[in-house]
Amino acid sequence: MNTILIIEDEVQIRNNLRQILHLSDFDTLVAENGLQGLELAKDKHPDLIICEV
């Protein structure tokens, strides 16, 4: 299964993305900011990162 890291500071957007991806059978990781996202990316090696710019 593919793992996707979501980096998003808006709670509702983060939760919506997580739910949509979960319904499509993706494992998700979430981070509230770039620093958390960077740490998760280094530790978990996700297949894809969705990041708010």
C-alpha atoms as a PDB file:
ATOM      1  CA  MET A   1       0.000   0.000   0.000  1.00  0.00           C
ATOM      2  CA  ASN A   2       1.219   3.516  -0.796  1.00  0.00           C
ATOM      3  CA  THR A   3       1.780   6.040   1.966  1.00  0.00           C
ATOM      4  CA  ILE A   4       1.015   9.724   1.478  1.00  0.00           C
ATOM      5  CA  LEU A   5       2.185  12.481   3.792  1.00  0.00           C
ATOM      6  CA  ILE A   6      -0.169  15.450   4.069  1.00  0.00           C
ATOM      7  CA  ILE A   7       1.369  18.699   5.311  1.00  0.00           C
ATOM      8  CA  GLU A   8      -1.413  21.212   5.945  1.00  0.00           C
ATOM      9  CA  ASP A   9      -2.015  23.729   8.723  1.00  0.00           C
ATOM     10  CA  GLU A  10      -5.786  24.028   8.203  1.00  0.00           C
ATOM     11  CA  VAL A  11      -7.467  21.298  10.255  1.00  0.00           C
ATOM     12  CA  GLN A  12     -10.525  20.894   8.027  1.00  0.00           C
ATOM     13  CA  ILE A  13      -8.507  20.639   4.816  1.00  0.00           C
ATOM     14  CA  ARG A  14      -6.110  18.184   6.448  1.00  0.00           C
ATOM     15  CA  ASN A  15      -8.986  16.019   7.694  1.00  0.00           C
ATOM     16  CA  ASN A  16     -10.797  16.126   4.326  1.00  0.00           C
ATOM     17  CA  LEU A  17      -7.671  15.043   2.434  1.00  0.00           C
ATOM     18  CA  ARG A  18      -7.018  12.264   4.915  1.00  0.00           C
ATOM     19  CA  GLN A  19     -10.579  10.975   4.632  1.00  0.00           C
ATOM     20  CA  ILE A  20     -10.596  11.072   0.814  1.00  0.00           C
ATOM     21  CA  LEU A  21      -7.278   9.256   0.607  1.00  0.00           C
ATOM     22  CA  HIS A  22      -8.347   6.698   3.207  1.00  0.00           C
ATOM     23  CA  LEU A  23     -11.458   5.910   1.154  1.00  0.00           C
ATOM     24  CA  SER A  24      -9.119   5.236  -1.776  1.00  0.00           C
ATOM     25  CA  ASP A  25      -7.112   2.766   0.358  1.00  0.00           C
ATOM     26  CA  PHE A  26      -4.053   4.937   0.906  1.00  0.00           C
ATOM     27  CA  ASP A  27      -2.173   5.018   4.184  1.00  0.00           C
ATOM     28  CA  THR A  28      -1.778   8.611   5.307  1.00  0.00           C
ATOM     29  CA  LEU A  29       0.495  10.523   7.601  1.00  0.00           C
ATOM     30  CA  VAL A  30      -0.378  14.071   8.625  1.00  0.00           C
ATOM     31  CA  ALA A  31       1.636  17.043   9.791  1.00  0.00           C
ATOM     32  CA  GLU A  32       0.443  20.472  10.899  1.00  0.00           C
ATOM     33  CA  ASN A  33       3.528  22.320   9.650  1.00  0.00           C
ATOM     34  CA  GLY A  34       6.667  21.974   7.599  1.00  0.00           C
ATOM     35  CA  LEU A  35       8.912  21.052  10.507  1.00  0.00           C
ATOM     36  CA  GLN A  36       6.652  18.155  11.534  1.00  0.00           C
ATOM     37  CA  GLY A  37       6.357  17.151   7.889  1.00  0.00           C
ATOM     38  CA  LEU A  38      10.108  17.092   7.436  1.00  0.00           C
ATOM     39  CA  GLU A  39      10.568  14.881  10.485  1.00  0.00           C
ATOM     40  CA  LEU A  40       7.839  12.476   9.327  1.00  0.00           C
ATOM     41  CA  ALA A  41       9.318  12.362   5.820  1.00  0.00           C
ATOM     42  CA  LYS A  42      12.758  11.498   7.196  1.00  0.00           C
ATOM     43  CA  ASP A  43      11.408   8.827   9.543  1.00  0.00           C
ATOM     44  CA  LYS A  44       8.656   7.214   7.458  1.00  0.00           C
ATOM     45  CA  HIS A  45       9.765   7.726   3.812  1.00  0.00           C
ATOM     46  CA  PRO A  46       6.304   8.304   2.295  1.00  0.00           C
ATOM     47  CA  ASP A  47       5.713   7.577  -1.369  1.00  0.00           C
ATOM     48  CA  LEU A  48       4.141  10.982  -1.964  1.00  0.00           C
ATOM     49  CA  ILE A  49       3.978  14.305  -0.102  1.00  0.00           C
ATOM     50  CA  ILE A  50       1.075  16.726  -0.463  1.00  0.00           C
ATOM     51  CA  CYS A  51       2.215  20.078   0.889  1.00  0.00           C
ATOM     52  CA  GLU A  52       0.456  23.410   1.101  1.00  0.00           C
ATOM     53  CA  VAL A  53       2.649  26.054  -0.442  1.00  0.00           C
END
